[in-house]
Amino acid sequence: MKREKLVKYRKKENWSQRQVVEELNSNFNIKITDSYYGMIEKGVRNPSIKLAVAIANLFNVMLEDIFLNK
């Protein structure tokens, strides 16, 4: 299931997937590939809790808002 909200938050910042990956690296010392992040957005991969928290913090939203199906 595609994570529409995650894509929406990224586009709101006018960031590419690569820029999100770079922000995760510089702000949270989390190193993932552009491809892996893309799979997270597509819902093909589920991030670890640490990565999910970092992504939520990066976009300043609640973890549940992105990663829990409501």
N, C-alpha and C. Protein backbone atom coordinates (compact mmCIF):
# COMPACT_ATOMS: atom_id res chain seq x y z
N MET A 1 0.84 -1.19 0.00
CA MET A 1 0.00 0.00 0.00
C MET A 1 0.89 1.25 0.00
N LYS A 2 0.72 2.08 -0.96
CA LYS A 2 1.54 3.28 -1.08
C LYS A 2 1.27 4.23 0.09
N ARG A 3 2.33 4.81 0.58
CA ARG A 3 2.21 5.74 1.70
C ARG A 3 2.04 7.16 1.16
N GLU A 4 0.81 7.48 0.83
CA GLU A 4 0.49 8.76 0.21
C GLU A 4 0.91 9.94 1.08
N LYS A 5 0.71 9.82 2.39
CA LYS A 5 1.05 10.93 3.28
C LYS A 5 2.54 11.19 3.28
N LEU A 6 3.33 10.14 3.24
CA LEU A 6 4.78 10.30 3.23
C LEU A 6 5.22 11.05 1.97
N VAL A 7 4.64 10.69 0.85
CA VAL A 7 4.94 11.38 -0.41
C VAL A 7 4.49 12.84 -0.31
N LYS A 8 3.31 13.07 0.26
CA LYS A 8 2.78 14.42 0.41
C LYS A 8 3.71 15.28 1.26
N TYR A 9 4.19 14.74 2.37
CA TYR A 9 5.09 15.52 3.24
C TYR A 9 6.40 15.84 2.53
N ARG A 10 6.91 14.89 1.77
CA ARG A 10 8.16 15.12 1.03
C ARG A 10 7.96 16.22 -0.01
N LYS A 11 6.87 16.13 -0.75
CA LYS A 11 6.61 17.12 -1.80
C LYS A 11 6.33 18.50 -1.22
N LYS A 12 5.74 18.54 -0.03
CA LYS A 12 5.49 19.82 0.64
C LYS A 12 6.80 20.56 0.91
N GLU A 13 7.85 19.80 1.19
CA GLU A 13 9.19 20.37 1.42
C GLU A 13 9.94 20.63 0.11
N ASN A 14 9.34 20.21 -1.00
CA ASN A 14 10.00 20.29 -2.32
C ASN A 14 11.31 19.51 -2.35
N TRP A 15 11.30 18.35 -1.71
CA TRP A 15 12.48 17.48 -1.66
C TRP A 15 12.31 16.30 -2.60
N SER A 16 13.42 15.89 -3.19
CA SER A 16 13.46 14.62 -3.92
C SER A 16 13.66 13.51 -2.89
N GLN A 17 13.51 12.28 -3.33
CA GLN A 17 13.79 11.16 -2.43
C GLN A 17 15.24 11.22 -1.97
N ARG A 18 16.14 11.58 -2.87
CA ARG A 18 17.56 11.69 -2.53
C ARG A 18 17.78 12.72 -1.42
N GLN A 19 17.07 13.84 -1.50
CA GLN A 19 17.21 14.87 -0.47
C GLN A 19 16.74 14.37 0.89
N VAL A 20 15.68 13.58 0.91
CA VAL A 20 15.21 12.99 2.18
C VAL A 20 16.29 12.10 2.75
N VAL A 21 16.88 11.27 1.91
CA VAL A 21 17.95 10.37 2.34
C VAL A 21 19.13 11.18 2.90
N GLU A 22 19.48 12.26 2.23
CA GLU A 22 20.58 13.11 2.71
C GLU A 22 20.24 13.78 4.03
N GLU A 23 18.99 14.22 4.19
CA GLU A 23 18.56 14.82 5.46
C GLU A 23 18.60 13.80 6.59
N LEU A 24 18.17 12.58 6.32
CA LEU A 24 18.21 11.53 7.34
C LEU A 24 19.65 11.26 7.77
N ASN A 25 20.56 11.29 6.81
CA ASN A 25 21.96 11.07 7.10
C ASN A 25 22.53 12.22 7.94
N SER A 26 22.30 13.45 7.50
CA SER A 26 22.92 14.58 8.18
C SER A 26 22.27 14.90 9.53
N ASN A 27 20.95 14.71 9.64
CA ASN A 27 20.26 15.06 10.88
C ASN A 27 20.17 13.93 11.90
N PHE A 28 20.15 12.68 11.43
CA PHE A 28 19.93 11.55 12.32
C PHE A 28 21.00 10.47 12.22
N ASN A 29 22.01 10.72 11.38
CA ASN A 29 23.08 9.75 11.15
C ASN A 29 22.54 8.38 10.72
N ILE A 30 21.52 8.42 9.90
CA ILE A 30 20.91 7.20 9.37
C ILE A 30 21.26 7.14 7.89
N LYS A 31 21.88 6.05 7.50
CA LYS A 31 22.32 5.89 6.12
C LYS A 31 21.49 4.80 5.44
N ILE A 32 20.69 5.25 4.48
CA ILE A 32 19.93 4.32 3.65
C ILE A 32 20.11 4.77 2.20
N THR A 33 19.76 3.91 1.27
CA THR A 33 19.88 4.25 -0.14
C THR A 33 18.61 4.95 -0.62
N ASP A 34 18.75 5.67 -1.72
CA ASP A 34 17.58 6.30 -2.35
C ASP A 34 16.55 5.22 -2.69
N SER A 35 17.03 4.11 -3.19
CA SER A 35 16.17 3.02 -3.60
C SER A 35 15.36 2.47 -2.42
N TYR A 36 16.02 2.29 -1.28
CA TYR A 36 15.33 1.79 -0.10
C TYR A 36 14.26 2.77 0.35
N TYR A 37 14.59 4.06 0.36
CA TYR A 37 13.59 5.06 0.74
C TYR A 37 12.40 5.02 -0.22
N GLY A 38 12.68 4.88 -1.50
CA GLY A 38 11.61 4.78 -2.49
C GLY A 38 10.69 3.59 -2.21
N MET A 39 11.27 2.47 -1.80
CA MET A 39 10.47 1.30 -1.46
C MET A 39 9.62 1.54 -0.23
N ILE A 40 10.13 2.33 0.72
CA ILE A 40 9.34 2.69 1.90
C ILE A 40 8.13 3.52 1.46
N GLU A 41 8.35 4.49 0.59
CA GLU A 41 7.24 5.31 0.09
C GLU A 41 6.20 4.46 -0.65
N LYS A 42 6.66 3.49 -1.40
CA LYS A 42 5.74 2.64 -2.17
C LYS A 42 5.04 1.61 -1.28
N GLY A 43 5.52 1.44 -0.05
CA GLY A 43 4.92 0.46 0.84
C GLY A 43 5.45 -0.94 0.62
N VAL A 44 6.51 -1.06 -0.18
CA VAL A 44 7.12 -2.36 -0.45
C VAL A 44 7.96 -2.81 0.74
N ARG A 45 8.58 -1.84 1.42
CA ARG A 45 9.42 -2.11 2.59
C ARG A 45 8.88 -1.35 3.79
N ASN A 46 9.04 -1.96 4.96
CA ASN A 46 8.69 -1.30 6.21
C ASN A 46 9.99 -0.90 6.91
N PRO A 47 10.08 0.35 7.32
CA PRO A 47 11.31 0.79 8.00
C PRO A 47 11.40 0.25 9.41
N SER A 48 12.62 0.20 9.93
CA SER A 48 12.81 -0.14 11.33
C SER A 48 12.15 0.97 12.17
N ILE A 49 11.93 0.69 13.43
CA ILE A 49 11.35 1.69 14.32
C ILE A 49 12.23 2.94 14.35
N LYS A 50 13.53 2.75 14.45
CA LYS A 50 14.46 3.89 14.50
C LYS A 50 14.33 4.75 13.25
N LEU A 51 14.27 4.13 12.09
CA LEU A 51 14.13 4.87 10.84
C LEU A 51 12.77 5.53 10.74
N ALA A 52 11.71 4.83 11.13
CA ALA A 52 10.37 5.40 11.08
C ALA A 52 10.26 6.64 11.97
N VAL A 53 10.84 6.57 13.17
CA VAL A 53 10.83 7.72 14.08
C VAL A 53 11.60 8.89 13.46
N ALA A 54 12.74 8.60 12.86
CA ALA A 54 13.55 9.65 12.24
C ALA A 54 12.79 10.31 11.09
N ILE A 55 12.11 9.52 10.28
CA ILE A 55 11.34 10.07 9.16
C ILE A 55 10.22 10.97 9.70
N ALA A 56 9.51 10.50 10.70
CA ALA A 56 8.43 11.30 11.30
C ALA A 56 9.00 12.60 11.88
N ASN A 57 10.13 12.52 12.57
CA ASN A 57 10.74 13.72 13.13
C ASN A 57 11.21 14.67 12.04
N LEU A 58 11.75 14.12 10.97
CA LEU A 58 12.21 14.95 9.85
C LEU A 58 11.08 15.81 9.29
N PHE A 59 9.90 15.21 9.18
CA PHE A 59 8.75 15.93 8.65
C PHE A 59 7.90 16.58 9.74
N ASN A 60 8.33 16.44 10.99
CA ASN A 60 7.66 17.05 12.13
C ASN A 60 6.18 16.63 12.22
N VAL A 61 5.97 15.31 12.08
CA VAL A 61 4.63 14.75 12.18
C VAL A 61 4.66 13.54 13.11
N MET A 62 3.49 13.10 13.50
CA MET A 62 3.40 11.92 14.36
C MET A 62 3.72 10.66 13.55
N LEU A 63 4.44 9.76 14.17
CA LEU A 63 4.80 8.49 13.55
C LEU A 63 3.55 7.77 13.02
N GLU A 64 2.52 7.77 13.83
CA GLU A 64 1.28 7.08 13.48
C GLU A 64 0.64 7.67 12.22
N ASP A 65 0.85 8.94 12.00
CA ASP A 65 0.24 9.61 10.85
C ASP A 65 0.77 9.06 9.53
N ILE A 66 2.01 8.61 9.54
CA ILE A 66 2.62 8.10 8.32
C ILE A 66 2.51 6.59 8.20
N PHE A 67 2.80 5.89 9.30
CA PHE A 67 3.04 4.46 9.20
C PHE A 67 1.93 3.54 9.72
N LEU A 68 0.90 4.08 10.32
CA LEU A 68 -0.20 3.22 10.76
C LEU A 68 -1.40 3.44 9.86
N ASN A 69 -1.99 2.35 9.44
CA ASN A 69 -3.18 2.46 8.59
C ASN A 69 -4.37 2.84 9.45
N LYS A 70 -4.94 3.98 9.16
CA LYS A 70 -6.12 4.43 9.92
C LYS A 70 -7.33 4.40 9.03
